[in-house]
């Protein structure tokens, strides 16, 4: 999941953090597609995966712990039934 979501997150973050003109229009990107193309052209295709290690470091343990606690909950409920 992280490897699929990260490029979307990078583009979204760049769009959100770009400087804007006084009329509210972005100075660097004109939209999602434009941002993705400009990022890839200027920084290479792997730029869309910048921060993937940090993203995985945050999401990985969360996912593992979620499955652990779901298993514990299922076993507890099974004992009650």
PDB file of N, CA and C in Angstrom:
ATOM      1  N   UNK A   1       0.790  -1.186   0.000  1.00  0.00           N
ATOM      2  CA  UNK A   1       0.000   0.000   0.000  1.00  0.00           C
ATOM      3  C   UNK A   1       0.848   1.272   0.000  1.00  0.00           C
ATOM      4  N   UNK A   2       1.911   1.278   0.773  1.00  0.00           N
ATOM      5  CA  UNK A   2       2.734   2.477   0.891  1.00  0.00           C
ATOM      6  C   UNK A   2       3.356   2.845  -0.456  1.00  0.00           C
ATOM      7  N   UNK A   3       3.784   1.848  -1.201  1.00  0.00           N
ATOM      8  CA  UNK A   3       4.445   2.121  -2.473  1.00  0.00           C
ATOM      9  C   UNK A   3       3.477   2.653  -3.527  1.00  0.00           C
ATOM     10  N   UNK A   4       2.210   2.358  -3.376  1.00  0.00           N
ATOM     11  CA  UNK A   4       1.197   2.875  -4.297  1.00  0.00           C
ATOM     12  C   UNK A   4       0.754   4.275  -3.880  1.00  0.00           C
ATOM     13  N   UNK A   5       0.608   4.488  -2.601  1.00  0.00           N
ATOM     14  CA  UNK A   5       0.100   5.758  -2.081  1.00  0.00           C
ATOM     15  C   UNK A   5       1.159   6.853  -2.081  1.00  0.00           C
ATOM     16  N   UNK A   6       2.420   6.504  -1.908  1.00  0.00           N
ATOM     17  CA  UNK A   6       3.470   7.513  -1.758  1.00  0.00           C
ATOM     18  C   UNK A   6       3.556   8.509  -2.912  1.00  0.00           C
ATOM     19  N   UNK A   7       3.510   8.077  -4.191  1.00  0.00           N
ATOM     20  CA  UNK A   7       3.544   9.072  -5.272  1.00  0.00           C
ATOM     21  C   UNK A   7       2.382  10.066  -5.196  1.00  0.00           C
ATOM     22  N   UNK A   8       1.212   9.575  -4.834  1.00  0.00           N
ATOM     23  CA  UNK A   8       0.051  10.460  -4.685  1.00  0.00           C
ATOM     24  C   UNK A   8       0.304  11.443  -3.548  1.00  0.00           C
ATOM     25  N   UNK A   9       0.868  10.951  -2.473  1.00  0.00           N
ATOM     26  CA  UNK A   9       1.164  11.798  -1.316  1.00  0.00           C
ATOM     27  C   UNK A   9       2.205  12.857  -1.653  1.00  0.00           C
ATOM     28  N   UNK A  10       3.230  12.491  -2.425  1.00  0.00           N
ATOM     29  CA  UNK A  10       4.267  13.452  -2.832  1.00  0.00           C
ATOM     30  C   UNK A  10       3.652  14.565  -3.682  1.00  0.00           C
ATOM     31  N   UNK A  11       2.848  14.193  -4.671  1.00  0.00           N
ATOM     32  CA  UNK A  11       2.221  15.196  -5.544  1.00  0.00           C
ATOM     33  C   UNK A  11       1.284  16.086  -4.731  1.00  0.00           C
ATOM     34  N   UNK A  12       0.495  15.479  -3.860  1.00  0.00           N
ATOM     35  CA  UNK A  12      -0.439  16.252  -3.027  1.00  0.00           C
ATOM     36  C   UNK A  12       0.309  17.246  -2.134  1.00  0.00           C
ATOM     37  N   UNK A  13       1.402  16.797  -1.538  1.00  0.00           N
ATOM     38  CA  UNK A  13       2.183  17.668  -0.665  1.00  0.00           C
ATOM     39  C   UNK A  13       2.810  18.821  -1.441  1.00  0.00           C
ATOM     40  N   UNK A  14       3.349  18.533  -2.621  1.00  0.00           N
ATOM     41  CA  UNK A  14       3.946  19.590  -3.445  1.00  0.00           C
ATOM     42  C   UNK A  14       2.899  20.608  -3.869  1.00  0.00           C
ATOM     43  N   UNK A  15       1.712  20.143  -4.260  1.00  0.00           N
ATOM     44  CA  UNK A  15       0.642  21.066  -4.647  1.00  0.00           C
ATOM     45  C   UNK A  15       0.233  21.949  -3.470  1.00  0.00           C
ATOM     46  N   UNK A  16       0.087  21.336  -2.321  1.00  0.00           N
ATOM     47  CA  UNK A  16      -0.359  22.049  -1.127  1.00  0.00           C
ATOM     48  C   UNK A  16       0.665  23.086  -0.665  1.00  0.00           C
ATOM     49  N   UNK A  17       1.943  22.782  -0.783  1.00  0.00           N
ATOM     50  CA  UNK A  17       2.995  23.652  -0.257  1.00  0.00           C
ATOM     51  C   UNK A  17       3.564  24.637  -1.269  1.00  0.00           C
ATOM     52  N   UNK A  18       3.051  24.654  -2.498  1.00  0.00           N
ATOM     53  CA  UNK A  18       3.591  25.568  -3.498  1.00  0.00           C
ATOM     54  C   UNK A  18       3.183  27.017  -3.185  1.00  0.00           C
ATOM     55  N   UNK A  19       4.025  27.967  -3.569  1.00  0.00           N
ATOM     56  CA  UNK A  19       3.637  29.370  -3.405  1.00  0.00           C
ATOM     57  C   UNK A  19       2.474  29.697  -4.346  1.00  0.00           C
ATOM     58  N   UNK A  20       1.665  30.661  -3.955  1.00  0.00           N
ATOM     59  CA  UNK A  20       0.512  31.029  -4.772  1.00  0.00           C
ATOM     60  C   UNK A  20       0.540  32.523  -5.107  1.00  0.00           C
ATOM     61  N   UNK A  21      -0.075  32.855  -6.243  1.00  0.00           N
ATOM     62  CA  UNK A  21      -0.256  34.251  -6.629  1.00  0.00           C
ATOM     63  C   UNK A  21      -1.323  34.873  -5.737  1.00  0.00           C
ATOM     64  N   UNK A  22      -1.475  36.171  -5.815  1.00  0.00           N
ATOM     65  CA  UNK A  22      -2.464  36.875  -4.996  1.00  0.00           C
ATOM     66  C   UNK A  22      -3.894  36.412  -5.294  1.00  0.00           C
ATOM     67  N   UNK A  23      -4.134  35.871  -6.498  1.00  0.00           N
ATOM     68  CA  UNK A  23      -5.470  35.382  -6.832  1.00  0.00           C
ATOM     69  C   UNK A  23      -5.692  33.933  -6.401  1.00  0.00           C
ATOM     70  N   UNK A  24      -4.719  33.330  -5.728  1.00  0.00           N
ATOM     71  CA  UNK A  24      -4.860  31.980  -5.198  1.00  0.00           C
ATOM     72  C   UNK A  24      -4.413  30.874  -6.129  1.00  0.00           C
ATOM     73  N   UNK A  25      -3.940  31.216  -7.316  1.00  0.00           N
ATOM     74  CA  UNK A  25      -3.480  30.209  -8.276  1.00  0.00           C
ATOM     75  C   UNK A  25      -2.024  29.866  -7.976  1.00  0.00           C
ATOM     76  N   UNK A  26      -1.702  28.569  -8.043  1.00  0.00           N
ATOM     77  CA  UNK A  26      -0.345  28.120  -7.757  1.00  0.00           C
ATOM     78  C   UNK A  26       0.661  28.658  -8.756  1.00  0.00           C
ATOM     79  N   UNK A  27       1.862  28.955  -8.271  1.00  0.00           N
ATOM     80  CA  UNK A  27       2.921  29.485  -9.130  1.00  0.00           C
ATOM     81  C   UNK A  27       3.701  28.378  -9.847  1.00  0.00           C
ATOM     82  N   UNK A  28       3.715  27.185  -9.290  1.00  0.00           N
ATOM     83  CA  UNK A  28       4.550  26.120  -9.853  1.00  0.00           C
ATOM     84  C   UNK A  28       3.768  25.093 -10.667  1.00  0.00           C
ATOM     85  N   UNK A  29       2.604  24.711 -10.189  1.00  0.00           N
ATOM     86  CA  UNK A  29       1.851  23.627 -10.810  1.00  0.00           C
ATOM     87  C   UNK A  29       0.419  24.067 -11.107  1.00  0.00           C
ATOM     88  N   UNK A  30      -0.133  23.518 -12.208  1.00  0.00           N
ATOM     89  CA  UNK A  30      -1.499  23.845 -12.600  1.00  0.00           C
ATOM     90  C   UNK A  30      -2.505  22.770 -12.214  1.00  0.00           C
ATOM     91  N   UNK A  31      -2.057  21.725 -11.581  1.00  0.00           N
ATOM     92  CA  UNK A  31      -2.940  20.638 -11.176  1.00  0.00           C
ATOM     93  C   UNK A  31      -2.152  19.376 -10.893  1.00  0.00           C
ATOM     94  N   UNK A  32      -2.881  18.296 -10.657  1.00  0.00           N
ATOM     95  CA  UNK A  32      -2.255  17.034 -10.280  1.00  0.00           C
ATOM     96  C   UNK A  32      -1.354  16.493 -11.387  1.00  0.00           C
ATOM     97  N   UNK A  33      -1.891  16.428 -12.595  1.00  0.00           N
ATOM     98  CA  UNK A  33      -1.109  15.898 -13.716  1.00  0.00           C
ATOM     99  C   UNK A  33       0.111  16.733 -14.011  1.00  0.00           C
ATOM    100  N   UNK A  34      -0.067  18.053 -14.013  1.00  0.00           N
ATOM    101  CA  UNK A  34       1.044  18.960 -14.274  1.00  0.00           C
ATOM    102  C   UNK A  34       2.131  18.803 -13.219  1.00  0.00           C
ATOM    103  N   UNK A  35       1.725  18.686 -11.960  1.00  0.00           N
ATOM    104  CA  UNK A  35       2.700  18.517 -10.881  1.00  0.00           C
ATOM    105  C   UNK A  35       3.471  17.215 -11.038  1.00  0.00           C
ATOM    106  N   UNK A  36       2.770  16.124 -11.327  1.00  0.00           N
ATOM    107  CA  UNK A  36       3.429  14.830 -11.481  1.00  0.00           C
ATOM    108  C   UNK A  36       4.437  14.859 -12.629  1.00  0.00           C
ATOM    109  N   UNK A  37       4.031  15.431 -13.756  1.00  0.00           N
ATOM    110  CA  UNK A  37       4.921  15.496 -14.922  1.00  0.00           C
ATOM    111  C   UNK A  37       6.140  16.354 -14.621  1.00  0.00           C
ATOM    112  N   UNK A  38       5.938  17.512 -14.001  1.00  0.00           N
ATOM    113  CA  UNK A  38       7.060  18.405 -13.701  1.00  0.00           C
ATOM    114  C   UNK A  38       8.013  17.792 -12.683  1.00  0.00           C
ATOM    115  N   UNK A  39       7.479  17.098 -11.702  1.00  0.00           N
ATOM    116  CA  UNK A  39       8.329  16.449 -10.701  1.00  0.00           C
ATOM    117  C   UNK A  39       9.194  15.384 -11.366  1.00  0.00           C
ATOM    118  N   UNK A  40       8.585  14.548 -12.207  1.00  0.00           N
ATOM    119  CA  UNK A  40       9.326  13.474 -12.878  1.00  0.00           C
ATOM    120  C   UNK A  40      10.363  14.052 -13.839  1.00  0.00           C
ATOM    121  N   UNK A  41       9.994  15.095 -14.586  1.00  0.00           N
ATOM    122  CA  UNK A  41      10.941  15.685 -15.543  1.00  0.00           C
ATOM    123  C   UNK A  41      12.117  16.353 -14.857  1.00  0.00           C
ATOM    124  N   UNK A  42      11.866  17.026 -13.747  1.00  0.00           N
ATOM    125  CA  UNK A  42      12.950  17.776 -13.110  1.00  0.00           C
ATOM    126  C   UNK A  42      13.772  16.940 -12.131  1.00  0.00           C
ATOM    127  N   UNK A  43      13.156  15.926 -11.504  1.00  0.00           N
ATOM    128  CA  UNK A  43      13.858  15.170 -10.468  1.00  0.00           C
ATOM    129  C   UNK A  43      13.997  13.684 -10.762  1.00  0.00           C
ATOM    130  N   UNK A  44      13.343  13.209 -11.812  1.00  0.00           N
ATOM    131  CA  UNK A  44      13.389  11.787 -12.141  1.00  0.00           C
ATOM    132  C   UNK A  44      12.188  11.050 -11.572  1.00  0.00           C
ATOM    133  N   UNK A  45      11.938   9.864 -12.125  1.00  0.00           N
ATOM    134  CA  UNK A  45      10.736   9.122 -11.731  1.00  0.00           C
ATOM    135  C   UNK A  45      10.766   8.655 -10.273  1.00  0.00           C
ATOM    136  N   UNK A  46      11.934   8.472  -9.720  1.00  0.00           N
ATOM    137  CA  UNK A  46      12.007   8.013  -8.334  1.00  0.00           C
ATOM    138  C   UNK A  46      11.711   9.124  -7.332  1.00  0.00           C
ATOM    139  N   UNK A  47      11.602  10.366  -7.801  1.00  0.00           N
ATOM    140  CA  UNK A  47      11.244  11.473  -6.906  1.00  0.00           C
ATOM    141  C   UNK A  47       9.854  11.287  -6.326  1.00  0.00           C
ATOM    142  N   UNK A  48       9.003  10.564  -7.042  1.00  0.00           N
ATOM    143  CA  UNK A  48       7.652  10.318  -6.542  1.00  0.00           C
ATOM    144  C   UNK A  48       7.648   9.401  -5.326  1.00  0.00           C
ATOM    145  N   UNK A  49       8.761   8.751  -5.079  1.00  0.00           N
ATOM    146  CA  UNK A  49       8.866   7.869  -3.916  1.00  0.00           C
ATOM    147  C   UNK A  49       9.771   8.454  -2.835  1.00  0.00           C
ATOM    148  N   UNK A  50      10.013   9.763  -2.886  1.00  0.00           N
ATOM    149  CA  UNK A  50      10.780  10.391  -1.804  1.00  0.00           C
ATOM    150  C   UNK A  50      10.004  10.239  -0.507  1.00  0.00           C
ATOM    151  N   UNK A  51      10.694   9.860   0.532  1.00  0.00           N
ATOM    152  CA  UNK A  51      10.053   9.713   1.833  1.00  0.00           C
ATOM    153  C   UNK A  51       9.357   8.381   2.039  1.00  0.00           C
ATOM    154  N   UNK A  52       9.528   7.446   1.106  1.00  0.00           N
ATOM    155  CA  UNK A  52       8.837   6.165   1.235  1.00  0.00           C
ATOM    156  C   UNK A  52       9.319   5.386   2.460  1.00  0.00           C
ATOM    157  N   UNK A  53      10.573   5.528   2.826  1.00  0.00           N
ATOM    158  CA  UNK A  53      11.085   4.812   4.002  1.00  0.00           C
ATOM    159  C   UNK A  53      10.429   5.350   5.271  1.00  0.00           C
ATOM    160  N   UNK A  54      10.325   6.670   5.369  1.00  0.00           N
ATOM    161  CA  UNK A  54       9.667   7.263   6.541  1.00  0.00           C
ATOM    162  C   UNK A  54       8.182   6.895   6.565  1.00  0.00           C
ATOM    163  N   UNK A  55       7.553   6.909   5.401  1.00  0.00           N
ATOM    164  CA  UNK A  55       6.136   6.553   5.302  1.00  0.00           C
ATOM    165  C   UNK A  55       5.937   5.099   5.741  1.00  0.00           C
ATOM    166  N   UNK A  56       6.780   4.208   5.251  1.00  0.00           N
ATOM    167  CA  UNK A  56       6.675   2.802   5.629  1.00  0.00           C
ATOM    168  C   UNK A  56       6.990   2.603   7.113  1.00  0.00           C
ATOM    169  N   UNK A  57       7.960   3.352   7.634  1.00  0.00           N
ATOM    170  CA  UNK A  57       8.310   3.240   9.051  1.00  0.00           C
ATOM    171  C   UNK A  57       7.144   3.627   9.951  1.00  0.00           C
ATOM    172  N   UNK A  58       6.294   4.505   9.443  1.00  0.00           N
ATOM    173  CA  UNK A  58       5.115   4.917  10.205  1.00  0.00           C
ATOM    174  C   UNK A  58       3.966   3.930   9.983  1.00  0.00           C
ATOM    175  N   UNK A  59       3.725   3.530   8.739  1.00  0.00           N
ATOM    176  CA  UNK A  59       2.568   2.687   8.410  1.00  0.00           C
ATOM    177  C   UNK A  59       2.805   1.209   8.710  1.00  0.00           C
ATOM    178  N   UNK A  60       4.033   0.742   8.544  1.00  0.00           N
ATOM    179  CA  UNK A  60       4.331  -0.672   8.756  1.00  0.00           C
ATOM    180  C   UNK A  60       3.985  -1.169  10.150  1.00  0.00           C
ATOM    181  N   UNK A  61       4.536  -0.562  11.188  1.00  0.00           N
ATOM    182  CA  UNK A  61       4.210  -1.003  12.545  1.00  0.00           C
ATOM    183  C   UNK A  61       2.713  -0.852  12.868  1.00  0.00           C
ATOM    184  N   UNK A  62       2.097   0.187  12.364  1.00  0.00           N
ATOM    185  CA  UNK A  62       0.663   0.382  12.594  1.00  0.00           C
ATOM    186  C   UNK A  62      -0.127  -0.789  12.025  1.00  0.00           C
ATOM    187  N   UNK A  63       0.213  -1.205  10.819  1.00  0.00           N
ATOM    188  CA  UNK A  63      -0.489  -2.311  10.173  1.00  0.00           C
ATOM    189  C   UNK A  63      -0.256  -3.615  10.924  1.00  0.00           C
ATOM    190  N   UNK A  64       0.984  -3.867  11.288  1.00  0.00           N
ATOM    191  CA  UNK A  64       1.307  -5.101  12.018  1.00  0.00           C
ATOM    192  C   UNK A  64       0.560  -5.132  13.352  1.00  0.00           C
ATOM    193  N   UNK A  65       0.599  -4.045  14.091  1.00  0.00           N
ATOM    194  CA  UNK A  65      -0.090  -4.008  15.387  1.00  0.00           C
ATOM    195  C   UNK A  65      -1.602  -4.139  15.220  1.00  0.00           C
ATOM    196  N   UNK A  66      -2.147  -3.572  14.158  1.00  0.00           N
ATOM    197  CA  UNK A  66      -3.585  -3.714  13.909  1.00  0.00           C
ATOM    198  C   UNK A  66      -3.950  -5.189  13.750  1.00  0.00           C
ATOM    199  N   UNK A  67      -3.172  -5.923  12.959  1.00  0.00           N
ATOM    200  CA  UNK A  67      -3.452  -7.345  12.775  1.00  0.00           C
ATOM    201  C   UNK A  67      -3.271  -8.129  14.070  1.00  0.00           C
ATOM    202  N   UNK A  68      -2.276  -7.780  14.863  1.00  0.00           N
ATOM    203  CA  UNK A  68      -2.054  -8.461  16.144  1.00  0.00           C
ATOM    204  C   UNK A  68      -3.262  -8.252  17.055  1.00  0.00           C
ATOM    205  N   UNK A  69      -3.715  -7.004  17.170  1.00  0.00           N
ATOM    206  CA  UNK A  69      -4.844  -6.717  18.063  1.00  0.00           C
ATOM    207  C   UNK A  69      -6.152  -7.287  17.540  1.00  0.00           C
ATOM    208  N   UNK A  70      -6.320  -7.336  16.227  1.00  0.00           N
ATOM    209  CA  UNK A  70      -7.515  -7.970  15.660  1.00  0.00           C
ATOM    210  C   UNK A  70      -7.519  -9.454  16.009  1.00  0.00           C
ATOM    211  N   UNK A  71      -6.368 -10.110  15.912  1.00  0.00           N
ATOM    212  CA  UNK A  71      -6.262 -11.521  16.279  1.00  0.00           C
ATOM    213  C   UNK A  71      -6.585 -11.753  17.747  1.00  0.00           C
ATOM    214  N   UNK A  72      -6.054 -10.892  18.617  1.00  0.00           N
ATOM    215  CA  UNK A  72      -6.333 -11.008  20.048  1.00  0.00           C
ATOM    216  C   UNK A  72      -7.825 -10.829  20.306  1.00  0.00           C
ATOM    217  N   UNK A  73      -8.428  -9.837  19.670  1.00  0.00           N
ATOM    218  CA  UNK A  73      -9.856  -9.574  19.841  1.00  0.00           C
ATOM    219  C   UNK A  73     -10.696 -10.752  19.345  1.00  0.00           C
ATOM    220  N   UNK A  74     -10.333 -11.323  18.205  1.00  0.00           N
ATOM    221  CA  UNK A  74     -11.083 -12.470  17.674  1.00  0.00           C
ATOM    222  C   UNK A  74     -11.010 -13.664  18.618  1.00  0.00           C
ATOM    223  N   UNK A  75      -9.820 -13.927  19.159  1.00  0.00           N
ATOM    224  CA  UNK A  75      -9.684 -15.048  20.102  1.00  0.00           C
ATOM    225  C   UNK A  75     -10.478 -14.785  21.379  1.00  0.00           C
ATOM    226  N   UNK A  76     -10.492 -13.547  21.843  1.00  0.00           N
ATOM    227  CA  UNK A  76     -11.245 -13.205  23.061  1.00  0.00           C
ATOM    228  C   UNK A  76     -12.744 -13.368  22.840  1.00  0.00           C
ATOM    229  N   UNK A  77     -13.222 -12.936  21.702  1.00  0.00           N
ATOM    230  CA  UNK A  77     -14.647 -13.057  21.392  1.00  0.00           C
ATOM    231  C   UNK A  77     -15.019 -14.528  21.213  1.00  0.00           C
ATOM    232  N   UNK A  78     -14.139 -15.304  20.586  1.00  0.00           N
ATOM    233  CA  UNK A  78     -14.398 -16.728  20.382  1.00  0.00           C
ATOM    234  C   UNK A  78     -14.517 -17.464  21.721  1.00  0.00           C
ATOM    235  N   UNK A  79     -13.755 -17.049  22.719  1.00  0.00           N
ATOM    236  CA  UNK A  79     -13.830 -17.678  24.040  1.00  0.00           C
ATOM    237  C   UNK A  79     -15.155 -17.368  24.724  1.00  0.00           C
ATOM    238  N   UNK A  80     -15.701 -16.190  24.451  1.00  0.00           N
ATOM    239  CA  UNK A  80     -16.970 -15.788  25.060  1.00  0.00           C
ATOM    240  C   UNK A  80     -18.161 -16.490  24.438  1.00  0.00           C
ATOM    241  N   UNK A  81     -18.002 -16.885  23.206  1.00  0.00           N
ATOM    242  CA  UNK A  81     -19.149 -17.495  22.488  1.00  0.00           C
ATOM    243  C   UNK A  81     -19.232 -18.955  22.718  1.00  0.00           C
TER     244      UNK A  81
END
